[in-house]
Amino acid sequence: MIKKTNNSFYWLLHVLFWIAIVLWRAKGDYYGGVDIYCFIIHNAIRLPPVIIGTYVLAYFLLPKYFILEKNYLVFSVFFFINYFITFYLESLIISSSLMSNFLPPESIAIGWFKDLHPFRNAFSLFSIMGILSLVQFFKLHLSEEKKRNLLQEENLKTKLDFLKAQVNPHFLFNALNNIYSMAIQNDQKEIAESLDSLSGIMKYLSYDSNKELVPLKKEILLLQNYIEIQHLRLTSSDEVLISFNIEGSVRNEMIAPVILLPLVENGFKHGIRLNEECLVSIKLDIKNDFLNFRMKNTLFKEKKLNAIEKGIGIENVRNRLALLYPGDFELSLKEEGKYFISNLALKLNNIG
């Protein structure tokens, strides 16, 4: 109900704006000897191309080329094309025989060369487009500010979700390096490798996760380190099959940090039960700046609700994807038989 009221108010503002434009122009065109009502009708008839041209500028050209892509040259070219087409169509309406039904022919002639001079019309049209575009620009600017603030909150939540400790991450990172050195000195190879993996995770979450984009190679290394840590839970007698496959070549692709880890963590959390046959399968397919991620894990009956529910980690990923990659991702979570499958299709190197 609230949304409906807001939409009604929004449209009412637009209607009032165009009514004000018609009255403003009619008052400017008016001169004695002719009823001002005729000038109101005259300006209402020539309004449709102005409305279309103004909305094309404010709701397509401005958001796409000026705000998002910041391609000011392309914006300028399309702006002038749109402006002159609008001006030309409006001029055709003004000079058409239709106007003689509302204004005497002699008034139209006088108006075209005097009161409705083309330069005057051009300035009027430019003012109308400018007013609405300026309002839209500030709305988009505030929206971008809100988006950045939300993203900062989501990034902070991500770090808190994975660190889960009230200790300085730099201190913990250094402590892990010290323990790793001790394990190497005492020939504890397995412990050393596990500590090295954990240290890699801590380093990534402490430093790289602050960046807007990171190399895809580092995100993959994070997943590999996490999988190595998960292997510590298993023994040789456990029937757990873990696979991690990458198709395509990883070159210089960039991705938002810690986007994939929550999906992998969710798979391990709900897909492994010791002393039972389990499967955790992770597949990455990189092709032409597109990433297809697929996580498949065993789904136990009593864990179905927990696995399918969005949870903090998954919901955090979905929110960050919506903020960072609007229109450039697809995320699906579903059951297939005795398995739970997470699919993420993402356009790399492109943050909205």
Protein backbone atom coordinates (compact mmCIF):
# COMPACT_ATOMS: atom_id res chain seq x y z
CA MET A 1 0.00 0.00 0.00
CA ILE A 2 2.85 2.38 0.83
CA LYS A 3 4.55 1.59 -2.46
CA LYS A 4 1.37 2.29 -4.38
CA THR A 5 0.99 5.67 -2.64
CA ASN A 6 4.57 6.61 -3.42
CA ASN A 7 4.12 5.68 -7.09
CA SER A 8 0.93 7.74 -7.30
CA PHE A 9 2.68 10.72 -5.77
CA TYR A 10 5.61 10.25 -8.17
CA TRP A 11 3.35 10.32 -11.23
CA LEU A 12 1.40 13.26 -9.83
CA LEU A 13 4.62 15.28 -9.60
CA HIS A 14 5.38 14.55 -13.26
CA VAL A 15 1.86 15.56 -14.35
CA LEU A 16 2.10 18.79 -12.36
CA PHE A 17 5.54 19.47 -13.84
CA TRP A 18 4.26 19.25 -17.43
CA ILE A 19 1.16 21.30 -16.63
CA ALA A 20 3.46 23.98 -15.24
CA ILE A 21 5.59 23.82 -18.41
CA VAL A 22 2.53 24.30 -20.62
CA LEU A 23 1.33 27.28 -18.58
CA TRP A 24 4.83 28.78 -18.46
CA ARG A 25 5.25 28.55 -22.21
CA ALA A 26 1.70 29.79 -22.91
CA LYS A 27 2.30 32.81 -20.70
CA GLY A 28 5.54 33.53 -22.53
CA ASP A 29 3.89 33.19 -25.96
CA TYR A 30 0.83 35.23 -25.07
CA TYR A 31 0.22 38.67 -26.53
CA GLY A 32 -2.93 40.80 -26.56
CA GLY A 33 -5.74 40.25 -29.02
CA VAL A 34 -5.84 36.44 -28.74
CA ASP A 35 -7.37 34.41 -25.92
CA ILE A 36 -4.62 32.89 -23.74
CA TYR A 37 -6.59 29.63 -23.76
CA CYS A 38 -5.58 29.24 -27.41
CA PHE A 39 -1.92 29.46 -26.44
CA ILE A 40 -2.42 26.84 -23.71
CA ILE A 41 -3.90 24.42 -26.28
CA HIS A 42 -1.14 25.36 -28.72
CA ASN A 43 1.59 24.46 -26.21
CA ALA A 44 -0.16 21.28 -25.08
CA ILE A 45 -0.28 20.00 -28.67
CA ARG A 46 3.45 20.56 -29.23
CA LEU A 47 4.33 18.89 -25.92
CA PRO A 48 4.54 15.11 -26.84
CA PRO A 49 7.95 15.22 -28.63
CA VAL A 50 9.29 17.39 -25.79
CA ILE A 51 8.15 14.84 -23.20
CA ILE A 52 9.67 11.93 -25.15
CA GLY A 53 12.96 13.71 -25.79
CA THR A 54 13.27 14.84 -22.17
CA TYR A 55 12.61 11.37 -20.75
CA VAL A 56 15.05 9.77 -23.21
CA LEU A 57 17.68 12.17 -21.91
CA ALA A 58 16.86 11.94 -18.19
CA TYR A 59 16.08 8.22 -17.90
CA PHE A 60 18.30 6.62 -20.55
CA LEU A 61 21.19 8.75 -21.80
CA LEU A 62 22.04 10.36 -18.46
CA PRO A 63 22.06 7.17 -16.32
CA LYS A 64 23.76 4.97 -18.94
CA TYR A 65 26.46 7.15 -20.49
CA PHE A 66 27.00 9.94 -17.94
CA ILE A 67 26.54 8.21 -14.56
CA LEU A 68 27.37 4.52 -15.09
CA GLU A 69 29.80 4.42 -18.03
CA LYS A 70 31.11 7.99 -17.57
CA ASN A 71 31.54 8.20 -21.34
CA TYR A 72 31.04 11.94 -21.65
CA LEU A 73 31.85 12.12 -25.36
CA VAL A 74 29.21 9.54 -26.31
CA PHE A 75 26.76 11.24 -23.95
CA SER A 76 27.36 14.61 -25.62
CA VAL A 77 26.86 13.18 -29.12
CA PHE A 78 23.61 11.43 -28.22
CA PHE A 79 22.45 14.47 -26.24
CA PHE A 80 22.70 16.76 -29.27
CA ILE A 81 21.16 14.17 -31.58
CA ASN A 82 18.24 13.74 -29.19
CA TYR A 83 17.93 17.49 -28.71
CA PHE A 84 17.83 18.38 -32.41
CA ILE A 85 15.38 15.57 -33.23
CA THR A 86 13.09 16.82 -30.46
CA PHE A 87 13.45 20.43 -31.62
CA TYR A 88 12.76 19.47 -35.24
CA LEU A 89 9.63 17.45 -34.39
CA GLU A 90 8.30 20.26 -32.20
CA SER A 91 8.95 22.78 -34.98
CA LEU A 92 7.01 20.62 -37.44
CA ILE A 93 4.03 20.63 -35.09
CA ILE A 94 4.25 24.40 -34.58
CA SER A 95 4.29 25.10 -38.33
CA SER A 96 1.61 22.52 -39.17
CA SER A 97 -1.88 23.39 -40.39
CA LEU A 98 -3.25 21.86 -37.19
CA MET A 99 -2.28 24.98 -35.26
CA SER A 100 -4.56 27.19 -37.38
CA ASN A 101 -7.51 25.54 -35.63
CA PHE A 102 -6.44 27.10 -32.35
CA LEU A 103 -4.65 30.30 -33.34
CA PRO A 104 -5.58 32.62 -36.24
CA PRO A 105 -3.19 32.25 -39.23
CA GLU A 106 -1.92 35.78 -38.77
CA SER A 107 -1.13 35.00 -35.10
CA ILE A 108 0.84 31.90 -36.08
CA ALA A 109 2.81 33.89 -38.62
CA ILE A 110 3.55 36.63 -36.15
CA GLY A 111 4.29 34.10 -33.45
CA TRP A 112 6.71 32.09 -35.59
CA PHE A 113 8.86 35.10 -36.44
CA LYS A 114 8.34 37.08 -33.27
CA ASP A 115 6.88 35.46 -30.17
CA LEU A 116 7.67 31.85 -31.18
CA HIS A 117 11.12 32.55 -32.62
CA PRO A 118 13.14 29.31 -33.17
CA PHE A 119 15.98 30.50 -30.94
CA ARG A 120 13.50 31.24 -28.22
CA ASN A 121 11.98 27.78 -28.63
CA ALA A 122 15.44 26.24 -28.55
CA PHE A 123 16.23 27.95 -25.25
CA SER A 124 12.86 26.93 -23.83
CA LEU A 125 13.40 23.29 -24.84
CA PHE A 126 16.94 23.30 -23.44
CA SER A 127 15.61 24.67 -20.14
CA ILE A 128 12.93 22.00 -19.86
CA MET A 129 15.37 19.17 -20.57
CA GLY A 130 17.89 20.71 -18.20
CA ILE A 131 15.48 21.04 -15.26
CA LEU A 132 14.26 17.43 -15.35
CA SER A 133 17.74 16.05 -16.09
CA LEU A 134 19.21 18.00 -13.17
CA VAL A 135 16.61 16.54 -10.81
CA GLN A 136 17.30 13.05 -12.17
CA PHE A 137 21.07 13.60 -11.86
CA PHE A 138 20.78 14.39 -8.15
CA LYS A 139 18.49 11.38 -7.64
CA LEU A 140 21.02 9.10 -9.33
CA HIS A 141 23.86 10.70 -7.38
CA LEU A 142 22.09 10.05 -4.08
CA SER A 143 21.34 6.50 -5.22
CA GLU A 144 25.02 5.90 -6.01
CA GLU A 145 26.00 7.27 -2.59
CA LYS A 146 23.49 4.94 -0.94
CA LYS A 147 24.84 2.05 -3.01
CA ARG A 148 28.41 2.77 -1.90
CA ASN A 149 27.35 2.97 1.74
CA LEU A 150 25.47 -0.32 1.49
CA LEU A 151 28.46 -1.93 -0.17
CA GLN A 152 30.75 -0.77 2.62
CA GLU A 153 28.36 -2.26 5.16
CA GLU A 154 28.18 -5.55 3.26
CA ASN A 155 31.98 -5.74 2.96
CA LEU A 156 32.32 -5.12 6.69
CA LYS A 157 29.73 -7.81 7.40
CA THR A 158 31.61 -10.22 5.14
CA LYS A 159 34.86 -9.72 7.02
CA LEU A 160 33.10 -10.17 10.37
CA ASP A 161 31.32 -13.32 9.19
CA PHE A 162 34.56 -15.02 8.20
CA LEU A 163 37.01 -13.74 10.78
CA LYS A 164 34.58 -14.34 13.68
CA ALA A 165 37.09 -13.30 16.25
CA GLN A 166 37.64 -10.21 18.37
CA VAL A 167 41.38 -10.25 17.88
CA ASN A 168 43.46 -8.12 15.56
CA PRO A 169 43.63 -10.08 12.26
CA HIS A 170 47.16 -8.79 11.67
CA PHE A 171 48.24 -10.23 15.02
CA LEU A 172 46.60 -13.57 14.22
CA PHE A 173 48.21 -13.62 10.77
CA ASN A 174 51.67 -13.07 12.26
CA ALA A 175 51.05 -15.70 14.96
CA LEU A 176 50.11 -18.27 12.32
CA ASN A 177 53.35 -17.56 10.45
CA ASN A 178 55.32 -18.14 13.65
CA ILE A 179 53.55 -21.46 14.32
CA TYR A 180 54.13 -22.46 10.70
CA SER A 181 57.88 -21.85 11.11
CA MET A 182 57.93 -23.98 14.26
CA ALA A 183 56.09 -26.81 12.49
CA ILE A 184 58.64 -26.76 9.64
CA GLN A 185 61.53 -26.86 12.12
CA ASN A 186 60.00 -29.89 13.85
CA ASP A 187 59.30 -31.67 10.56
CA GLN A 188 55.52 -31.51 11.03
CA LYS A 189 54.78 -31.26 7.32
CA GLU A 190 51.00 -31.87 7.47
CA ILE A 191 50.51 -29.30 10.23
CA ALA A 192 52.73 -26.83 8.38
CA GLU A 193 50.70 -27.17 5.18
CA SER A 194 47.45 -26.68 7.08
CA LEU A 195 48.79 -23.61 8.84
CA ASP A 196 50.01 -22.27 5.52
CA SER A 197 46.51 -22.64 4.07
CA LEU A 198 44.93 -20.95 7.08
CA SER A 199 47.52 -18.18 6.92
CA GLY A 200 46.65 -17.65 3.26
CA ILE A 201 42.96 -17.29 4.14
CA MET A 202 43.73 -14.80 6.92
CA LYS A 203 45.99 -12.76 4.67
CA TYR A 204 43.35 -12.61 1.95
CA LEU A 205 40.57 -11.61 4.33
CA SER A 206 42.77 -9.07 6.12
CA TYR A 207 44.19 -7.28 3.09
CA ASP A 208 42.69 -8.19 -0.30
CA SER A 209 39.04 -8.18 0.81
CA ASN A 210 39.25 -4.39 1.27
CA LYS A 211 39.65 -3.91 -2.48
CA GLU A 212 36.81 -3.43 -4.94
CA LEU A 213 38.23 -6.03 -7.35
CA VAL A 214 40.86 -8.73 -6.96
CA PRO A 215 42.46 -11.11 -9.48
CA LEU A 216 40.34 -14.22 -10.02
CA LYS A 217 43.51 -16.24 -9.36
CA LYS A 218 43.53 -15.03 -5.75
CA GLU A 219 39.87 -15.89 -5.25
CA ILE A 220 40.57 -19.39 -6.55
CA LEU A 221 43.59 -19.72 -4.23
CA LEU A 222 41.32 -18.72 -1.33
CA LEU A 223 38.97 -21.59 -2.21
CA GLN A 224 41.89 -24.03 -2.48
CA ASN A 225 43.20 -23.00 0.94
CA TYR A 226 39.74 -23.36 2.43
CA ILE A 227 39.38 -26.87 0.97
CA GLU A 228 42.77 -27.84 2.41
CA ILE A 229 41.57 -26.75 5.85
CA GLN A 230 38.41 -28.83 5.44
CA HIS A 231 40.50 -31.90 4.72
CA LEU A 232 41.65 -31.77 8.37
CA ARG A 233 38.18 -32.96 9.39
CA LEU A 234 38.57 -36.18 7.45
CA THR A 235 40.36 -39.45 8.05
CA SER A 236 41.35 -42.18 5.63
CA SER A 237 38.24 -44.18 6.59
CA ASP A 238 35.78 -41.39 5.75
CA GLU A 239 33.87 -41.89 2.50
CA VAL A 240 33.99 -38.26 1.40
CA LEU A 241 34.73 -37.35 -2.19
CA ILE A 242 35.91 -33.77 -2.68
CA SER A 243 36.63 -32.43 -6.17
CA PHE A 244 37.66 -29.00 -7.40
CA ASN A 245 37.89 -28.56 -11.16
CA ILE A 246 38.68 -25.51 -13.28
CA GLU A 247 37.84 -25.35 -16.98
CA GLY A 248 39.17 -22.60 -19.20
CA SER A 249 42.27 -20.53 -18.63
CA VAL A 250 42.61 -18.04 -15.78
CA ARG A 251 44.44 -14.96 -17.03
CA ASN A 252 43.87 -11.39 -15.90
CA GLU A 253 40.20 -11.66 -14.95
CA MET A 254 39.06 -9.63 -11.94
CA ILE A 255 36.27 -10.38 -9.46
CA ALA A 256 34.81 -8.88 -6.30
CA PRO A 257 36.55 -10.45 -3.24
CA VAL A 258 34.99 -13.23 -1.14
CA ILE A 259 32.07 -13.77 -3.51
CA LEU A 260 32.50 -17.53 -3.97
CA LEU A 261 33.69 -18.62 -0.52
CA PRO A 262 30.27 -18.44 1.24
CA LEU A 263 28.83 -20.80 -1.39
CA VAL A 264 31.68 -23.25 -0.87
CA GLU A 265 31.42 -22.94 2.92
CA ASN A 266 27.69 -23.65 2.70
CA GLY A 267 28.39 -26.81 0.69
CA PHE A 268 30.90 -28.16 3.21
CA LYS A 269 28.72 -27.19 6.17
CA HIS A 270 25.66 -29.08 4.94
CA GLY A 271 27.23 -31.65 2.61
CA ILE A 272 29.64 -33.56 4.82
CA ARG A 273 28.81 -36.08 7.53
CA LEU A 274 31.62 -38.18 8.88
CA ASN A 275 31.33 -41.98 8.52
CA GLU A 276 28.82 -41.60 5.69
CA GLU A 277 29.21 -41.44 1.92
CA CYS A 278 29.34 -37.77 0.91
CA LEU A 279 30.11 -35.66 -2.12
CA VAL A 280 31.35 -32.11 -2.45
CA SER A 281 31.99 -31.08 -6.05
CA ILE A 282 33.12 -27.62 -7.11
CA LYS A 283 33.48 -26.60 -10.74
CA LEU A 284 34.63 -23.29 -12.23
CA ASP A 285 34.25 -22.57 -15.93
CA ILE A 286 35.92 -19.39 -17.21
CA LYS A 287 35.25 -18.31 -20.77
CA ASN A 288 35.18 -14.89 -22.49
CA ASP A 289 35.07 -12.89 -19.24
CA PHE A 290 32.23 -15.03 -17.92
CA LEU A 291 32.46 -17.22 -14.84
CA ASN A 292 30.16 -20.17 -14.26
CA PHE A 293 30.42 -21.55 -10.73
CA ARG A 294 28.71 -24.80 -9.72
CA MET A 295 28.71 -26.26 -6.21
CA LYS A 296 27.18 -29.69 -5.72
CA ASN A 297 27.01 -31.40 -2.33
CA THR A 298 25.17 -34.22 -0.63
CA LEU A 299 22.00 -33.07 1.10
CA PHE A 300 20.86 -34.98 4.16
CA LYS A 301 17.14 -35.03 4.94
CA GLU A 302 17.37 -33.36 8.34
CA LYS A 303 19.59 -30.62 6.87
CA LYS A 304 17.39 -29.69 3.94
CA LEU A 305 15.74 -26.68 5.53
CA ASN A 306 19.03 -25.36 6.86
CA ALA A 307 20.80 -25.81 3.52
CA ILE A 308 18.10 -24.19 1.45
CA GLU A 309 17.53 -21.29 3.80
CA LYS A 310 19.54 -18.28 2.67
CA GLY A 311 21.45 -17.77 5.92
CA ILE A 312 23.78 -14.87 6.66
CA GLY A 313 26.57 -15.90 4.29
CA ILE A 314 24.39 -16.66 1.24
CA GLU A 315 22.19 -13.62 1.78
CA ASN A 316 25.30 -11.50 2.09
CA VAL A 317 26.56 -12.82 -1.26
CA ARG A 318 23.23 -12.14 -2.94
CA ASN A 319 23.15 -8.56 -1.62
CA ARG A 320 26.73 -7.87 -2.70
CA LEU A 321 26.08 -9.31 -6.16
CA ALA A 322 23.01 -7.09 -6.55
CA LEU A 323 25.08 -4.05 -5.59
CA LEU A 324 28.23 -4.88 -7.55
CA TYR A 325 26.88 -6.68 -10.63
CA PRO A 326 23.35 -5.36 -11.31
CA GLY A 327 22.00 -7.26 -14.30
CA ASP A 328 25.26 -9.18 -14.77
CA PHE A 329 24.72 -12.24 -12.57
CA GLU A 330 22.39 -15.17 -11.96
CA LEU A 331 22.39 -17.04 -8.65
CA SER A 332 20.26 -20.13 -8.08
CA LEU A 333 20.03 -22.52 -5.12
CA LYS A 334 18.07 -25.74 -5.59
CA GLU A 335 17.63 -29.42 -4.74
CA GLU A 336 18.24 -32.16 -7.29
CA GLY A 337 17.50 -35.54 -5.82
CA LYS A 338 19.83 -36.14 -2.88
CA TYR A 339 22.06 -33.21 -3.81
CA PHE A 340 21.98 -29.49 -3.19
CA ILE A 341 23.30 -27.35 -6.06
CA SER A 342 24.44 -23.73 -6.09
CA ASN A 343 24.90 -22.09 -9.50
CA LEU A 344 26.40 -18.67 -10.08
CA ALA A 345 26.85 -17.13 -13.54
CA LEU A 346 28.79 -13.90 -13.42
CA LYS A 347 30.23 -11.40 -15.90
CA LEU A 348 33.78 -10.71 -14.74
CA ASN A 349 35.74 -7.44 -14.87
CA ASN A 350 32.51 -5.43 -14.82
CA ILE A 351 31.23 -3.73 -11.69
CA GLY A 352 28.07 -1.70 -11.99
